[in-house]
Structures are given as structure tokens and as C-alpha cells.
Amino acid sequence: MLDDFQSLGRDMFVTGLVSSHTGSLSARRDDKMVITRRGAMLGRLTEADLLEVEIGGECPEEAAEDAVVHQAVYRATDAQAVVYARPPFTSALALIEDRLSPANRDGADNLGSAPVLISQRNIDSPDVAQLIGRTLRESRVAALRGSGVFARGADVFDAFHMVSLLEEMCKVVQIYRTLTGGEAQPVGFEQRDRQPTSSFRPRNDNYGRRPPGGRPQPPRGPASGPPRHNDGQPRRPYQPRDPNGARRGPPPRH
């Protein structure tokens, strides 16, 4: 188990799924779990960084801050391992989306869609732990807004696969939005299977770009009438004045 934790922790750090002292790993061992220590460096784990904790008992102070979440997931599911990470693209997209849907077939087949959970409580709260545990009954991975991502699996590598796949999906979505100027994400495979859509999208006269000079102006011509002041009154034609200030010529016609 130590070898698996060391190799996986190193992969998570190298691929950017965690920073130097964030994230946690755990694996079920009968009615207990082996979990990384609070503040452990996943990229440089040692035997002293692993703790054995009862799934139904109290978490020691030196266990990872999110250890109660791992316990809740084991109690609610048949997971054999749990991974907690803070992937940057997933975390960023979870701030604005309520659900993360895959845009590729691999994500749709292996991942489905990942729910985004919202809570004002700390990650070590029992309420947050129960919320994530219930959610991972139906989903293999879930994001907690502002905190990170939890995934369950048959082993630590299987759970890592879910986190990595979700991060790749979110990275593609954000690159797509950058290239297209912030347009909405294309319909994912889940929605595409339910509602067939055309592969073509409508375009306007200028391919979605504004014409030079700013916003288009409404046409003016004989049908639009004379230009008006802000009060809606038509402009009076110019009339010269004599030195006393009186207008010359007949009064203007309205």
C-alpha cells in the first residue's frame, strides 16, 4: 500500500492535481482505512505519513483535514479507495457551473457528469461529509465548490482516473471558451444522445462580429422622418436674425 500511495501521490503532484501540501489518499482495510497524514506532501510520502483510522470511529487530530469525508464515503458506498485533490481547471469551472458535463465520449462512458456541491461549512464538517457521501453513491466523482474534488474507486488508481479525467474535460472546456470568445460549451454526449441537434449553427450577417465603428445604427432615410431632439420635437430650420434678435422672414411652419 505504501508503494501505491507513493507512486500515485507523485503522479498527482507532477500532473498538477495537487500542490505541495494539499490533497489526501485513503484505502479501505476491512473496517478501517489507511489515510495520509494532515499536511503530508503527496509527492514525497513516507511510511510515517500514513495513519490507520477506524471508519466508524473518531478521527485523530493528525489525520488529514478531510478524513471525516473519507469515512462518510466508505460508510455510504462500497468504495475501496478515496482520492481528494484540488485540480485547478475543475475547481475554476466549479465556481460558475452547477454540473460538469463531459464533451467527449471517453468522459461520457467512464465518468458521466459530475455534480458541483455547495456548502458554507468547512470541509471537516460532518454535514459536508454526509453530503459528499450521499452524492458519491450515484456519482463516482463530485466537486465541492471552493474546496476541490472527491472521487471513489476500486483502488486508489481507479479513483485517481476519475479525478484526472474530470480535470482533462474541464481543461478542454475552458480552452474552447477561450478560442471562441466565451461561447457556451457544445452539447455534451449525454444531452446529444437525448436530443439530436444539427451540426451547423446559425450565423448572422457578420459572423457574430460587430461592424467597424461600434454598434450598428438604425437606418435613416425619408421613411424614418427628420432627426429629432431628445424631447421628441422636430428641429426648426435655421433662420438668420437681425441685430435686434428678431428672426427674418416668415415664421417657421410646423
C-alpha atoms as a PDB file:
ATOM      1  CA  MET A   1       0.000   0.000   0.000  1.00  0.00           C
ATOM      2  CA  LEU A   2       2.846   2.410   0.727  1.00  0.00           C
ATOM      3  CA  ASP A   3       4.284   1.835  -2.755  1.00  0.00           C
ATOM      4  CA  ASP A   4       0.911   2.549  -4.352  1.00  0.00           C
ATOM      5  CA  PHE A   5       0.437   5.698  -2.303  1.00  0.00           C
ATOM      6  CA  GLN A   6       3.923   6.940  -3.119  1.00  0.00           C
ATOM      7  CA  SER A   7       3.662   6.408  -6.871  1.00  0.00           C
ATOM      8  CA  LEU A   8       0.157   7.845  -7.082  1.00  0.00           C
ATOM      9  CA  GLY A   9       0.945  10.814  -4.861  1.00  0.00           C
ATOM     10  CA  ARG A  10       3.918  11.627  -7.053  1.00  0.00           C
ATOM     11  CA  ASP A  11       1.758  11.427 -10.195  1.00  0.00           C
ATOM     12  CA  MET A  12      -0.851  13.748  -8.672  1.00  0.00           C
ATOM     13  CA  PHE A  13       1.785  16.331  -7.794  1.00  0.00           C
ATOM     14  CA  VAL A  14       3.595  16.155 -11.131  1.00  0.00           C
ATOM     15  CA  THR A  15       0.354  16.466 -13.129  1.00  0.00           C
ATOM     16  CA  GLY A  16      -0.759  19.478 -11.075  1.00  0.00           C
ATOM     17  CA  LEU A  17      -3.792  17.902  -9.429  1.00  0.00           C
ATOM     18  CA  VAL A  18      -2.439  18.947  -6.017  1.00  0.00           C
ATOM     19  CA  SER A  19       0.048  21.488  -4.749  1.00  0.00           C
ATOM     20  CA  SER A  20       2.914  20.596  -2.425  1.00  0.00           C
ATOM     21  CA  HIS A  21       0.884  20.097   0.780  1.00  0.00           C
ATOM     22  CA  THR A  22      -2.728  19.594  -0.396  1.00  0.00           C
ATOM     23  CA  GLY A  23      -4.849  16.562  -1.207  1.00  0.00           C
ATOM     24  CA  SER A  24      -5.246  13.216   0.523  1.00  0.00           C
ATOM     25  CA  LEU A  25      -5.384   9.498  -0.256  1.00  0.00           C
ATOM     26  CA  SER A  26      -7.058   6.660   1.575  1.00  0.00           C
ATOM     27  CA  ALA A  27      -7.762   2.954   1.119  1.00  0.00           C
ATOM     28  CA  ARG A  28     -10.169   0.646   2.915  1.00  0.00           C
ATOM     29  CA  ARG A  29      -8.773  -2.131   5.073  1.00  0.00           C
ATOM     30  CA  ASP A  30     -11.677  -4.173   6.498  1.00  0.00           C
ATOM     31  CA  ASP A  31     -13.416  -1.868   8.994  1.00  0.00           C
ATOM     32  CA  LYS A  32     -10.546   0.597   8.954  1.00  0.00           C
ATOM     33  CA  MET A  33      -8.932   2.911   6.437  1.00  0.00           C
ATOM     34  CA  VAL A  34      -5.355   3.929   5.796  1.00  0.00           C
ATOM     35  CA  ILE A  35      -5.180   7.671   5.117  1.00  0.00           C
ATOM     36  CA  THR A  36      -2.435  10.222   4.619  1.00  0.00           C
ATOM     37  CA  ARG A  37      -1.440  12.493   7.464  1.00  0.00           C
ATOM     38  CA  ARG A  38      -2.554  16.143   7.732  1.00  0.00           C
ATOM     39  CA  GLY A  39      -0.232  18.367   5.721  1.00  0.00           C
ATOM     40  CA  ALA A  40       1.631  15.459   4.127  1.00  0.00           C
ATOM     41  CA  MET A  41       3.410  16.053   0.817  1.00  0.00           C
ATOM     42  CA  LEU A  42       1.773  13.615  -1.602  1.00  0.00           C
ATOM     43  CA  GLY A  43       4.752  13.893  -3.918  1.00  0.00           C
ATOM     44  CA  ARG A  44       7.106  12.708  -1.162  1.00  0.00           C
ATOM     45  CA  LEU A  45       5.185  10.304   1.043  1.00  0.00           C
ATOM     46  CA  THR A  46       6.942   8.202   3.649  1.00  0.00           C
ATOM     47  CA  GLU A  47       5.689   5.436   5.912  1.00  0.00           C
ATOM     48  CA  ALA A  48       5.276   7.969   8.730  1.00  0.00           C
ATOM     49  CA  ASP A  49       2.750   9.877   6.587  1.00  0.00           C
ATOM     50  CA  LEU A  50       0.182   7.030   6.687  1.00  0.00           C
ATOM     51  CA  LEU A  51      -2.301   6.524   9.514  1.00  0.00           C
ATOM     52  CA  GLU A  52      -4.778   3.740  10.221  1.00  0.00           C
ATOM     53  CA  VAL A  53      -8.182   5.035  11.343  1.00  0.00           C
ATOM     54  CA  GLU A  54     -11.420   3.218  12.138  1.00  0.00           C
ATOM     55  CA  ILE A  55     -14.132   4.017   9.607  1.00  0.00           C
ATOM     56  CA  GLY A  56     -16.773   4.278  12.296  1.00  0.00           C
ATOM     57  CA  GLY A  57     -14.627   5.912  14.946  1.00  0.00           C
ATOM     58  CA  GLU A  58     -13.201   9.320  15.766  1.00  0.00           C
ATOM     59  CA  CYS A  59     -10.533  10.849  13.556  1.00  0.00           C
ATOM     60  CA  PRO A  60      -7.250  11.654  15.267  1.00  0.00           C
ATOM     61  CA  GLU A  61      -6.007  15.213  15.092  1.00  0.00           C
ATOM     62  CA  GLU A  62      -3.039  14.260  12.937  1.00  0.00           C
ATOM     63  CA  ALA A  63      -5.253  12.734  10.201  1.00  0.00           C
ATOM     64  CA  ALA A  64      -5.984  14.703   7.041  1.00  0.00           C
ATOM     65  CA  GLU A  65      -8.448  17.552   7.494  1.00  0.00           C
ATOM     66  CA  ASP A  66     -10.962  15.865   5.191  1.00  0.00           C
ATOM     67  CA  ALA A  67     -10.675  12.452   6.900  1.00  0.00           C
ATOM     68  CA  VAL A  68     -14.330  12.634   8.011  1.00  0.00           C
ATOM     69  CA  VAL A  69     -15.329  12.830   4.335  1.00  0.00           C
ATOM     70  CA  HIS A  70     -13.367   9.647   3.568  1.00  0.00           C
ATOM     71  CA  GLN A  71     -15.118   7.908   6.458  1.00  0.00           C
ATOM     72  CA  ALA A  72     -18.549   9.031   5.200  1.00  0.00           C
ATOM     73  CA  VAL A  73     -17.829   7.771   1.680  1.00  0.00           C
ATOM     74  CA  TYR A  74     -16.777   4.343   2.981  1.00  0.00           C
ATOM     75  CA  ARG A  75     -19.903   4.111   5.140  1.00  0.00           C
ATOM     76  CA  ALA A  76     -22.212   5.139   2.276  1.00  0.00           C
ATOM     77  CA  THR A  77     -20.629   3.174  -0.592  1.00  0.00           C
ATOM     78  CA  ASP A  78     -18.608   0.065  -1.357  1.00  0.00           C
ATOM     79  CA  ALA A  79     -15.591   2.151  -2.336  1.00  0.00           C
ATOM     80  CA  GLN A  80     -12.202   0.622  -1.704  1.00  0.00           C
ATOM     81  CA  ALA A  81     -10.312   3.913  -2.072  1.00  0.00           C
ATOM     82  CA  VAL A  82     -10.962   7.664  -1.977  1.00  0.00           C
ATOM     83  CA  VAL A  83      -8.909  10.460  -3.525  1.00  0.00           C
ATOM     84  CA  TYR A  84      -9.175  14.151  -2.671  1.00  0.00           C
ATOM     85  CA  ALA A  85      -7.480  16.657  -4.976  1.00  0.00           C
ATOM     86  CA  ARG A  86      -7.598  20.303  -5.984  1.00  0.00           C
ATOM     87  CA  PRO A  87      -7.312  20.279  -9.779  1.00  0.00           C
ATOM     88  CA  PRO A  88      -7.169  23.907 -10.987  1.00  0.00           C
ATOM     89  CA  PHE A  89      -9.338  23.725 -14.120  1.00  0.00           C
ATOM     90  CA  THR A  90     -12.041  21.704 -12.388  1.00  0.00           C
ATOM     91  CA  SER A  91     -12.003  23.994  -9.364  1.00  0.00           C
ATOM     92  CA  ALA A  92     -12.294  27.090 -11.556  1.00  0.00           C
ATOM     93  CA  LEU A  93     -15.176  25.731 -13.619  1.00  0.00           C
ATOM     94  CA  ALA A  94     -16.967  24.561 -10.455  1.00  0.00           C
ATOM     95  CA  LEU A  95     -17.166  28.194  -9.332  1.00  0.00           C
ATOM     96  CA  ILE A  96     -19.572  29.043 -12.183  1.00  0.00           C
ATOM     97  CA  GLU A  97     -21.197  25.726 -13.125  1.00  0.00           C
ATOM     98  CA  ASP A  98     -23.667  23.613 -11.157  1.00  0.00           C
ATOM     99  CA  ARG A  99     -22.794  20.405 -13.008  1.00  0.00           C
ATOM    100  CA  LEU A 100     -19.763  19.412 -15.058  1.00  0.00           C
ATOM    101  CA  SER A 101     -20.757  17.508 -18.200  1.00  0.00           C
ATOM    102  CA  PRO A 102     -18.234  15.748 -20.441  1.00  0.00           C
ATOM    103  CA  ALA A 103     -17.767  16.890 -24.038  1.00  0.00           C
ATOM    104  CA  ASN A 104     -16.060  13.690 -25.214  1.00  0.00           C
ATOM    105  CA  ARG A 105     -17.085  10.052 -25.479  1.00  0.00           C
ATOM    106  CA  ASP A 106     -14.463   8.804 -23.020  1.00  0.00           C
ATOM    107  CA  GLY A 107     -15.800  11.107 -20.308  1.00  0.00           C
ATOM    108  CA  ALA A 108     -19.413  10.179 -21.006  1.00  0.00           C
ATOM    109  CA  ASP A 109     -18.711   6.432 -20.843  1.00  0.00           C
ATOM    110  CA  ASN A 110     -16.434   6.390 -17.788  1.00  0.00           C
ATOM    111  CA  LEU A 111     -17.402   9.477 -15.843  1.00  0.00           C
ATOM    112  CA  GLY A 112     -20.922  10.596 -16.702  1.00  0.00           C
ATOM    113  CA  SER A 113     -21.463  14.074 -15.311  1.00  0.00           C
ATOM    114  CA  ALA A 114     -20.029  15.377 -12.066  1.00  0.00           C
ATOM    115  CA  PRO A 115     -22.256  17.305  -9.642  1.00  0.00           C
ATOM    116  CA  VAL A 116     -20.997  20.512  -8.039  1.00  0.00           C
ATOM    117  CA  LEU A 117     -21.865  20.684  -4.337  1.00  0.00           C
ATOM    118  CA  ILE A 118     -22.195  23.966  -2.452  1.00  0.00           C
ATOM    119  CA  SER A 119     -21.785  24.393   1.293  1.00  0.00           C
ATOM    120  CA  GLN A 120     -20.815  27.243   3.594  1.00  0.00           C
ATOM    121  CA  ARG A 121     -19.353  24.832   6.165  1.00  0.00           C
ATOM    122  CA  ASN A 122     -15.741  23.725   6.437  1.00  0.00           C
ATOM    123  CA  ILE A 123     -14.565  20.585   4.743  1.00  0.00           C
ATOM    124  CA  ASP A 124     -14.127  18.827   8.092  1.00  0.00           C
ATOM    125  CA  SER A 125     -17.793  19.365   8.976  1.00  0.00           C
ATOM    126  CA  PRO A 126     -19.929  16.206   9.490  1.00  0.00           C
ATOM    127  CA  ASP A 127     -22.674  17.813   7.372  1.00  0.00           C
ATOM    128  CA  VAL A 128     -20.302  18.235   4.435  1.00  0.00           C
ATOM    129  CA  ALA A 129     -19.054  14.680   4.908  1.00  0.00           C
ATOM    130  CA  GLN A 130     -22.584  13.259   4.790  1.00  0.00           C
ATOM    131  CA  LEU A 131     -23.430  15.370   1.736  1.00  0.00           C
ATOM    132  CA  ILE A 132     -20.440  14.086  -0.210  1.00  0.00           C
ATOM    133  CA  GLY A 133     -21.017  10.517   0.958  1.00  0.00           C
ATOM    134  CA  ARG A 134     -24.621  10.555  -0.298  1.00  0.00           C
ATOM    135  CA  THR A 135     -23.599  12.142  -3.589  1.00  0.00           C
ATOM    136  CA  LEU A 136     -20.904   9.563  -4.314  1.00  0.00           C
ATOM    137  CA  ARG A 137     -23.479   6.799  -4.069  1.00  0.00           C
ATOM    138  CA  GLU A 138     -24.685   7.833  -7.526  1.00  0.00           C
ATOM    139  CA  SER A 139     -21.581   9.540  -8.930  1.00  0.00           C
ATOM    140  CA  ARG A 140     -18.003   8.356  -8.907  1.00  0.00           C
ATOM    141  CA  VAL A 141     -16.658  11.884  -8.580  1.00  0.00           C
ATOM    142  CA  ALA A 142     -18.021  15.147  -7.210  1.00  0.00           C
ATOM    143  CA  ALA A 143     -16.717  18.699  -6.843  1.00  0.00           C
ATOM    144  CA  LEU A 144     -17.169  20.812  -3.724  1.00  0.00           C
ATOM    145  CA  ARG A 145     -17.224  24.468  -4.750  1.00  0.00           C
ATOM    146  CA  GLY A 146     -14.208  26.314  -3.424  1.00  0.00           C
ATOM    147  CA  SER A 147     -12.625  23.186  -1.910  1.00  0.00           C
ATOM    148  CA  GLY A 148     -11.751  20.556  -4.502  1.00  0.00           C
ATOM    149  CA  VAL A 149     -12.789  17.166  -5.869  1.00  0.00           C
ATOM    150  CA  PHE A 150     -13.532  13.795  -4.225  1.00  0.00           C
ATOM    151  CA  ALA A 151     -13.572  10.515  -6.144  1.00  0.00           C
ATOM    152  CA  ARG A 152     -14.104   6.892  -5.180  1.00  0.00           C
ATOM    153  CA  GLY A 153     -12.827   3.758  -6.870  1.00  0.00           C
ATOM    154  CA  ALA A 154     -11.949   0.096  -6.667  1.00  0.00           C
ATOM    155  CA  ASP A 155      -8.428   1.198  -5.698  1.00  0.00           C
ATOM    156  CA  VAL A 156      -6.507   4.459  -5.475  1.00  0.00           C
ATOM    157  CA  PHE A 157      -5.559   4.335  -9.153  1.00  0.00           C
ATOM    158  CA  ASP A 158      -9.185   3.905 -10.197  1.00  0.00           C
ATOM    159  CA  ALA A 159     -10.221   6.920  -8.101  1.00  0.00           C
ATOM    160  CA  PHE A 160      -7.271   8.884  -9.499  1.00  0.00           C
ATOM    161  CA  HIS A 161      -8.522   8.080 -13.005  1.00  0.00           C
ATOM    162  CA  MET A 162     -11.826   9.816 -12.247  1.00  0.00           C
ATOM    163  CA  VAL A 163     -10.122  12.970 -10.961  1.00  0.00           C
ATOM    164  CA  SER A 164      -7.711  13.081 -13.898  1.00  0.00           C
ATOM    165  CA  LEU A 165     -10.463  12.515 -16.463  1.00  0.00           C
ATOM    166  CA  LEU A 166     -12.623  15.265 -14.965  1.00  0.00           C
ATOM    167  CA  GLU A 167      -9.695  17.700 -14.962  1.00  0.00           C
ATOM    168  CA  GLU A 168      -8.937  16.955 -18.618  1.00  0.00           C
ATOM    169  CA  MET A 169     -12.569  17.557 -19.532  1.00  0.00           C
ATOM    170  CA  CYS A 170     -12.705  20.890 -17.712  1.00  0.00           C
ATOM    171  CA  LYS A 171      -9.438  21.989 -19.293  1.00  0.00           C
ATOM    172  CA  VAL A 172     -10.797  21.308 -22.781  1.00  0.00           C
ATOM    173  CA  VAL A 173     -13.959  23.279 -21.989  1.00  0.00           C
ATOM    174  CA  GLN A 174     -12.008  26.329 -20.829  1.00  0.00           C
ATOM    175  CA  ILE A 175      -9.684  26.217 -23.854  1.00  0.00           C
ATOM    176  CA  TYR A 176     -12.731  26.008 -26.097  1.00  0.00           C
ATOM    177  CA  ARG A 177     -14.302  29.033 -24.444  1.00  0.00           C
ATOM    178  CA  THR A 178     -11.069  30.981 -24.811  1.00  0.00           C
ATOM    179  CA  LEU A 179     -10.846  30.211 -28.519  1.00  0.00           C
ATOM    180  CA  THR A 180     -14.493  31.029 -29.189  1.00  0.00           C
ATOM    181  CA  GLY A 181     -14.691  34.185 -27.100  1.00  0.00           C
ATOM    182  CA  GLY A 182     -16.688  32.756 -24.216  1.00  0.00           C
ATOM    183  CA  GLU A 183     -19.430  30.967 -26.153  1.00  0.00           C
ATOM    184  CA  ALA A 184     -21.409  28.275 -24.384  1.00  0.00           C
ATOM    185  CA  GLN A 185     -19.990  24.772 -24.175  1.00  0.00           C
ATOM    186  CA  PRO A 186     -21.121  22.491 -27.022  1.00  0.00           C
ATOM    187  CA  VAL A 187     -23.819  19.980 -26.218  1.00  0.00           C
ATOM    188  CA  GLY A 188     -22.202  17.061 -24.395  1.00  0.00           C
ATOM    189  CA  PHE A 189     -22.636  13.457 -25.400  1.00  0.00           C
ATOM    190  CA  GLU A 190     -25.217  12.866 -22.678  1.00  0.00           C
ATOM    191  CA  GLN A 191     -27.506  15.635 -23.970  1.00  0.00           C
ATOM    192  CA  ARG A 192     -26.652  14.849 -27.585  1.00  0.00           C
ATOM    193  CA  ASP A 193     -27.897  11.284 -27.216  1.00  0.00           C
ATOM    194  CA  ARG A 194     -31.192  12.515 -25.779  1.00  0.00           C
ATOM    195  CA  GLN A 195     -31.803  15.446 -28.119  1.00  0.00           C
ATOM    196  CA  PRO A 196     -30.236  15.197 -31.586  1.00  0.00           C
ATOM    197  CA  THR A 197     -29.052  18.573 -32.767  1.00  0.00           C
ATOM    198  CA  SER A 198     -27.751  19.914 -36.034  1.00  0.00           C
ATOM    199  CA  SER A 199     -24.005  20.065 -36.520  1.00  0.00           C
ATOM    200  CA  PHE A 200     -24.418  23.512 -38.027  1.00  0.00           C
ATOM    201  CA  ARG A 201     -25.050  26.669 -36.069  1.00  0.00           C
ATOM    202  CA  PRO A 202     -26.859  29.749 -37.413  1.00  0.00           C
ATOM    203  CA  ARG A 203     -24.791  32.749 -38.259  1.00  0.00           C
ATOM    204  CA  ASN A 204     -25.618  36.411 -38.624  1.00  0.00           C
ATOM    205  CA  ASP A 205     -24.629  38.741 -41.430  1.00  0.00           C
ATOM    206  CA  ASN A 206     -21.223  39.446 -39.960  1.00  0.00           C
ATOM    207  CA  TYR A 207     -20.282  36.025 -38.489  1.00  0.00           C
ATOM    208  CA  GLY A 208     -21.055  37.185 -34.942  1.00  0.00           C
ATOM    209  CA  ARG A 209     -18.711  40.199 -35.055  1.00  0.00           C
ATOM    210  CA  ARG A 210     -19.675  43.834 -34.737  1.00  0.00           C
ATOM    211  CA  PRO A 211     -19.136  46.008 -37.775  1.00  0.00           C
ATOM    212  CA  PRO A 212     -16.304  48.543 -37.659  1.00  0.00           C
ATOM    213  CA  GLY A 213     -17.156  51.676 -35.712  1.00  0.00           C
ATOM    214  CA  GLY A 214     -19.081  50.104 -32.838  1.00  0.00           C
ATOM    215  CA  ARG A 215     -22.707  49.035 -32.672  1.00  0.00           C
ATOM    216  CA  PRO A 216     -24.852  49.123 -35.819  1.00  0.00           C
ATOM    217  CA  GLN A 217     -27.040  52.229 -36.150  1.00  0.00           C
ATOM    218  CA  PRO A 218     -30.671  52.144 -37.267  1.00  0.00           C
ATOM    219  CA  PRO A 219     -31.156  53.223 -40.901  1.00  0.00           C
ATOM    220  CA  ARG A 220     -32.181  56.765 -41.654  1.00  0.00           C
ATOM    221  CA  GLY A 221     -33.965  57.966 -44.703  1.00  0.00           C
ATOM    222  CA  PRO A 222     -37.202  59.516 -45.875  1.00  0.00           C
ATOM    223  CA  ALA A 223     -39.250  56.853 -44.105  1.00  0.00           C
ATOM    224  CA  SER A 224     -37.653  57.480 -40.755  1.00  0.00           C
ATOM    225  CA  GLY A 225     -38.581  61.191 -40.661  1.00  0.00           C
ATOM    226  CA  PRO A 226     -36.466  64.181 -39.733  1.00  0.00           C
ATOM    227  CA  PRO A 227     -33.973  63.955 -36.874  1.00  0.00           C
ATOM    228  CA  ARG A 228     -35.419  64.960 -33.518  1.00  0.00           C
ATOM    229  CA  HIS A 229     -34.193  66.469 -30.264  1.00  0.00           C
ATOM    230  CA  ASN A 230     -34.241  64.469 -27.041  1.00  0.00           C
ATOM    231  CA  ASP A 231     -37.667  65.935 -26.224  1.00  0.00           C
ATOM    232  CA  GLY A 232     -39.153  64.458 -29.390  1.00  0.00           C
ATOM    233  CA  GLN A 233     -39.767  67.805 -31.133  1.00  0.00           C
ATOM    234  CA  PRO A 234     -38.662  68.227 -34.758  1.00  0.00           C
ATOM    235  CA  ARG A 235     -35.755  70.550 -35.413  1.00  0.00           C
ATOM    236  CA  ARG A 236     -36.563  74.030 -36.708  1.00  0.00           C
ATOM    237  CA  PRO A 237     -34.889  75.143 -39.900  1.00  0.00           C
ATOM    238  CA  TYR A 238     -32.164  77.722 -39.474  1.00  0.00           C
ATOM    239  CA  GLN A 239     -33.297  81.345 -39.793  1.00  0.00           C
ATOM    240  CA  PRO A 240     -30.958  84.344 -39.733  1.00  0.00           C
ATOM    241  CA  ARG A 241     -31.579  87.044 -37.119  1.00  0.00           C
ATOM    242  CA  ASP A 242     -31.263  90.831 -37.391  1.00  0.00           C
ATOM    243  CA  PRO A 243     -29.152  92.834 -34.909  1.00  0.00           C
ATOM    244  CA  ASN A 244     -32.185  93.230 -32.570  1.00  0.00           C
ATOM    245  CA  GLY A 245     -32.548  89.437 -32.220  1.00  0.00           C
ATOM    246  CA  ALA A 246     -35.727  89.095 -34.294  1.00  0.00           C
ATOM    247  CA  ARG A 247     -35.936  86.393 -36.914  1.00  0.00           C
ATOM    248  CA  ARG A 248     -36.032  87.459 -40.518  1.00  0.00           C
ATOM    249  CA  GLY A 249     -38.680  86.197 -42.842  1.00  0.00           C
ATOM    250  CA  PRO A 250     -41.977  84.443 -42.135  1.00  0.00           C
ATOM    251  CA  PRO A 251     -42.415  82.301 -39.003  1.00  0.00           C
ATOM    252  CA  PRO A 252     -41.420  78.676 -39.421  1.00  0.00           C
ATOM    253  CA  ARG A 253     -44.038  76.137 -40.402  1.00  0.00           C
ATOM    254  CA  HIS A 254     -44.675  73.136 -38.190  1.00  0.00           C
END
